[in-house]
N, C-alpha and C. Protein backbone atom coordinates (compact mmCIF):
# COMPACT_ATOMS: atom_id res chain seq x y z
N MET A 1 0.84 -1.26 -0.25
CA MET A 1 -0.01 0.04 0.10
C MET A 1 0.77 1.27 -0.17
N LEU A 2 2.14 1.35 0.58
CA LEU A 2 2.91 2.29 0.65
C LEU A 2 3.86 2.09 -0.54
N PRO A 3 4.39 3.54 -1.23
CA PRO A 3 5.15 3.34 -2.40
C PRO A 3 6.54 2.82 -2.34
N TYR A 4 7.05 2.97 -1.00
CA TYR A 4 8.57 2.39 -1.02
C TYR A 4 8.63 2.11 0.67
N HIS A 5 9.89 1.20 0.86
CA HIS A 5 10.18 1.10 2.25
C HIS A 5 10.85 2.29 2.77
N TYR A 6 10.09 2.91 3.62
CA TYR A 6 10.63 4.14 4.31
C TYR A 6 12.22 4.02 5.12
N SER A 7 12.13 2.85 5.98
CA SER A 7 13.28 2.38 6.21
C SER A 7 14.81 2.62 5.59
N LEU A 8 14.44 2.43 4.44
CA LEU A 8 15.80 2.62 3.45
C LEU A 8 16.03 4.16 3.18
N THR A 9 14.84 5.07 3.51
CA THR A 9 15.42 6.27 3.46
C THR A 9 15.83 7.12 4.98
N GLY A 10 15.62 6.40 5.79
CA GLY A 10 15.73 6.69 7.19
C GLY A 10 14.53 7.33 7.93
N GLN A 11 13.49 7.28 7.34
CA GLN A 11 12.31 7.68 7.73
C GLN A 11 11.28 6.81 8.40
N LYS A 12 10.22 7.62 9.22
CA LYS A 12 9.31 6.56 9.95
C LYS A 12 8.34 6.42 8.72
N GLU A 13 7.85 5.28 9.01
CA GLU A 13 6.72 4.76 8.17
C GLU A 13 5.32 5.54 8.63
N PRO A 14 4.59 6.28 7.55
CA PRO A 14 3.43 7.05 8.03
C PRO A 14 2.76 6.03 8.91
N VAL A 15 1.87 6.89 9.64
CA VAL A 15 0.67 6.38 10.50
C VAL A 15 -0.49 6.09 9.58
N LEU A 16 -1.20 5.05 9.34
CA LEU A 16 -2.45 5.11 8.68
C LEU A 16 -3.71 5.01 9.96
N TYR A 17 -4.44 5.75 9.56
CA TYR A 17 -5.67 5.97 10.28
C TYR A 17 -6.78 5.27 9.56
N VAL A 18 -7.92 4.74 10.66
CA VAL A 18 -8.98 4.34 9.94
C VAL A 18 -10.13 5.27 10.30
N GLY A 19 -10.86 5.62 9.49
CA GLY A 19 -12.08 6.92 9.71
C GLY A 19 -12.94 6.90 8.32
N LYS A 20 -13.57 8.36 8.40
CA LYS A 20 -14.40 8.55 7.52
C LYS A 20 -13.89 8.53 5.98
N LYS A 21 -12.72 8.76 5.90
CA LYS A 21 -11.97 8.70 4.41
C LYS A 21 -11.27 7.51 4.27
N SER A 22 -11.53 6.50 4.92
CA SER A 22 -10.81 5.21 4.80
C SER A 22 -11.26 4.54 3.34
N GLY A 23 -10.55 3.70 2.96
CA GLY A 23 -10.99 2.95 1.91
C GLY A 23 -10.72 1.65 2.01
N LYS A 24 -10.93 0.69 1.13
CA LYS A 24 -10.76 -0.61 1.37
C LYS A 24 -9.48 -1.21 1.69
N ASP A 25 -8.32 -0.29 1.26
CA ASP A 25 -6.93 -0.83 1.38
C ASP A 25 -6.92 -0.48 2.83
N ASN A 26 -7.44 0.49 3.41
CA ASN A 26 -7.21 0.79 4.75
C ASN A 26 -7.85 -0.20 5.83
N ILE A 27 -9.02 -0.77 5.15
CA ILE A 27 -9.56 -1.65 5.82
C ILE A 27 -8.52 -3.04 5.99
N ARG A 28 -8.21 -3.37 4.77
CA ARG A 28 -7.39 -4.41 4.59
C ARG A 28 -6.06 -4.25 5.39
N TYR A 29 -5.37 -3.16 5.67
CA TYR A 29 -4.21 -2.86 6.35
C TYR A 29 -4.65 -2.95 7.77
N TRP A 30 -5.66 -2.33 8.09
CA TRP A 30 -6.35 -2.54 9.69
C TRP A 30 -6.34 -4.09 10.03
N LEU A 31 -7.09 -4.78 9.11
CA LEU A 31 -7.14 -6.15 9.52
C LEU A 31 -6.04 -6.99 9.65
N GLU A 32 -4.91 -6.65 8.83
CA GLU A 32 -3.61 -7.38 8.86
C GLU A 32 -3.04 -6.97 10.13
N LYS A 33 -2.99 -5.47 10.39
CA LYS A 33 -2.22 -5.05 11.62
C LYS A 33 -2.91 -5.33 12.95
N THR A 34 -4.17 -6.01 12.96
CA THR A 34 -4.75 -6.37 14.27
C THR A 34 -4.99 -7.84 14.18
N GLY A 35 -4.45 -8.63 13.10
CA GLY A 35 -4.49 -10.15 13.18
C GLY A 35 -5.70 -10.50 12.93
N LEU A 36 -6.75 -9.80 12.31
CA LEU A 36 -8.26 -10.30 12.23
C LEU A 36 -8.35 -10.55 10.69
N SER A 37 -9.65 -11.07 10.61
CA SER A 37 -9.76 -11.34 9.26
C SER A 37 -11.52 -11.56 9.05
N ILE A 38 -12.03 -11.23 8.06
CA ILE A 38 -13.42 -11.41 7.77
C ILE A 38 -13.64 -11.92 6.28
N PRO A 39 -14.53 -12.44 5.50
CA PRO A 39 -14.75 -12.84 4.42
C PRO A 39 -14.78 -11.53 3.75
N GLU A 40 -14.17 -11.69 2.18
CA GLU A 40 -13.87 -10.51 1.83
C GLU A 40 -15.22 -9.80 1.25
N ASP A 41 -16.22 -10.68 0.81
CA ASP A 41 -17.71 -9.99 0.82
C ASP A 41 -18.14 -9.15 2.02
N ARG A 42 -17.39 -9.20 3.13
CA ARG A 42 -17.97 -8.53 4.37
C ARG A 42 -17.28 -7.23 4.42
N GLU A 43 -16.11 -7.00 3.77
CA GLU A 43 -15.14 -5.78 3.76
C GLU A 43 -16.04 -4.45 3.37
N ARG A 44 -17.06 -4.44 2.41
CA ARG A 44 -17.91 -3.19 2.14
C ARG A 44 -18.51 -2.90 3.22
N ASN A 45 -19.30 -3.83 3.81
CA ASN A 45 -20.09 -3.66 5.11
C ASN A 45 -19.44 -3.15 6.10
N LEU A 46 -18.06 -3.74 6.33
CA LEU A 46 -17.03 -3.20 7.34
C LEU A 46 -16.77 -1.83 7.49
N LEU A 47 -16.40 -1.48 5.87
CA LEU A 47 -16.04 -0.05 5.67
C LEU A 47 -17.25 0.94 6.02
N GLU A 48 -18.36 0.52 5.53
CA GLU A 48 -19.49 1.42 6.03
C GLU A 48 -19.68 1.56 7.44
N LEU A 49 -19.45 0.45 7.95
CA LEU A 49 -19.76 0.60 9.52
C LEU A 49 -18.63 1.62 10.11
N VAL A 50 -17.33 1.64 9.49
CA VAL A 50 -16.13 2.54 10.01
C VAL A 50 -16.68 3.92 9.76
N LYS A 51 -17.03 4.23 8.42
CA LYS A 51 -17.20 5.43 7.99
C LYS A 51 -18.48 6.01 9.00
N ALA A 52 -19.65 5.32 9.27
CA ALA A 52 -20.44 5.75 10.09
C ALA A 52 -20.36 6.07 11.49
N LEU A 53 -19.48 5.41 12.09
CA LEU A 53 -19.18 5.43 13.42
C LEU A 53 -17.98 6.62 13.60
N SER A 54 -17.04 6.83 12.49
CA SER A 54 -16.22 7.90 12.47
C SER A 54 -16.92 9.19 12.31
N ILE A 55 -17.84 9.26 11.54
CA ILE A 55 -18.75 10.54 11.24
C ILE A 55 -19.52 10.74 12.59
N GLU A 56 -19.92 9.73 13.13
CA GLU A 56 -20.83 10.12 14.45
C GLU A 56 -19.92 10.60 15.45
N LEU A 57 -18.62 9.83 15.77
CA LEU A 57 -17.88 10.29 16.90
C LEU A 57 -16.89 11.70 16.39
N LYS A 58 -16.95 11.98 15.15
CA LYS A 58 -16.41 13.33 14.67
C LYS A 58 -14.73 13.00 14.79
N ARG A 59 -14.26 11.99 14.61
CA ARG A 59 -12.79 11.59 14.67
C ARG A 59 -12.60 10.28 14.09
N ASP A 60 -11.35 9.91 14.19
CA ASP A 60 -10.74 8.81 13.51
C ASP A 60 -10.83 7.65 14.77
N LEU A 61 -11.14 5.99 14.24
CA LEU A 61 -11.23 5.28 15.06
C LEU A 61 -10.07 4.81 15.91
N ASN A 62 -10.25 4.02 17.03
CA ASN A 62 -9.21 3.32 17.55
C ASN A 62 -9.10 2.13 17.44
N GLU A 63 -8.36 1.22 17.94
CA GLU A 63 -8.15 -0.22 17.61
C GLU A 63 -9.22 -0.74 18.13
N GLN A 64 -9.58 -0.56 19.38
CA GLN A 64 -10.71 -1.10 19.88
C GLN A 64 -12.09 -1.30 19.42
N GLU A 65 -12.40 -0.04 18.91
CA GLU A 65 -13.41 0.34 18.05
C GLU A 65 -13.61 -0.19 16.77
N PHE A 66 -12.53 -0.47 16.07
CA PHE A 66 -12.18 -0.91 14.86
C PHE A 66 -12.33 -2.51 15.06
N ARG A 67 -11.85 -3.19 16.27
CA ARG A 67 -12.40 -4.62 16.72
C ARG A 67 -13.64 -4.91 16.84
N VAL A 68 -14.55 -4.05 17.33
CA VAL A 68 -15.88 -4.18 17.98
C VAL A 68 -16.50 -4.05 16.48
N LEU A 69 -16.23 -3.15 15.50
CA LEU A 69 -16.98 -3.34 14.25
C LEU A 69 -16.60 -4.51 13.47
N VAL A 70 -15.30 -4.92 13.47
CA VAL A 70 -15.08 -6.14 12.84
C VAL A 70 -15.95 -7.44 13.12
N ALA A 71 -15.94 -7.68 14.40
CA ALA A 71 -17.04 -8.42 14.96
C ALA A 71 -18.42 -8.39 14.36
N LYS A 72 -18.73 -7.26 14.55
CA LYS A 72 -20.28 -6.87 13.92
C LYS A 72 -20.44 -7.10 12.73
N ALA A 73 -19.32 -6.80 11.84
CA ALA A 73 -19.50 -6.99 10.31
C ALA A 73 -19.30 -8.36 10.05
N ALA A 74 -18.64 -9.02 10.58
CA ALA A 74 -18.47 -10.42 10.41
C ALA A 74 -19.75 -11.17 10.81
N ALA A 75 -20.56 -10.73 11.89
CA ALA A 75 -21.71 -11.51 12.31
C ALA A 75 -23.05 -11.36 11.50
N ASN A 76 -22.71 -10.16 10.72
CA ASN A 76 -23.97 -9.95 9.84
C ASN A 76 -23.90 -10.83 8.31
């Protein structure tokens, strides 16, 4: 997802947030980061849940909130 290895340039890797401006790649990145998985056909539902909660809270989501939404999306 990132254009190159930041460690090669001595730079820190950028922080990727999950929120109202997230896309499918952000969702996949966060699933991998948290060690969670859901069926590919549920990713769109998870993305919609992430955006809705982020808009409601008026901020990006934290890992705990993301985990709750993953469980909710997987159950639907």
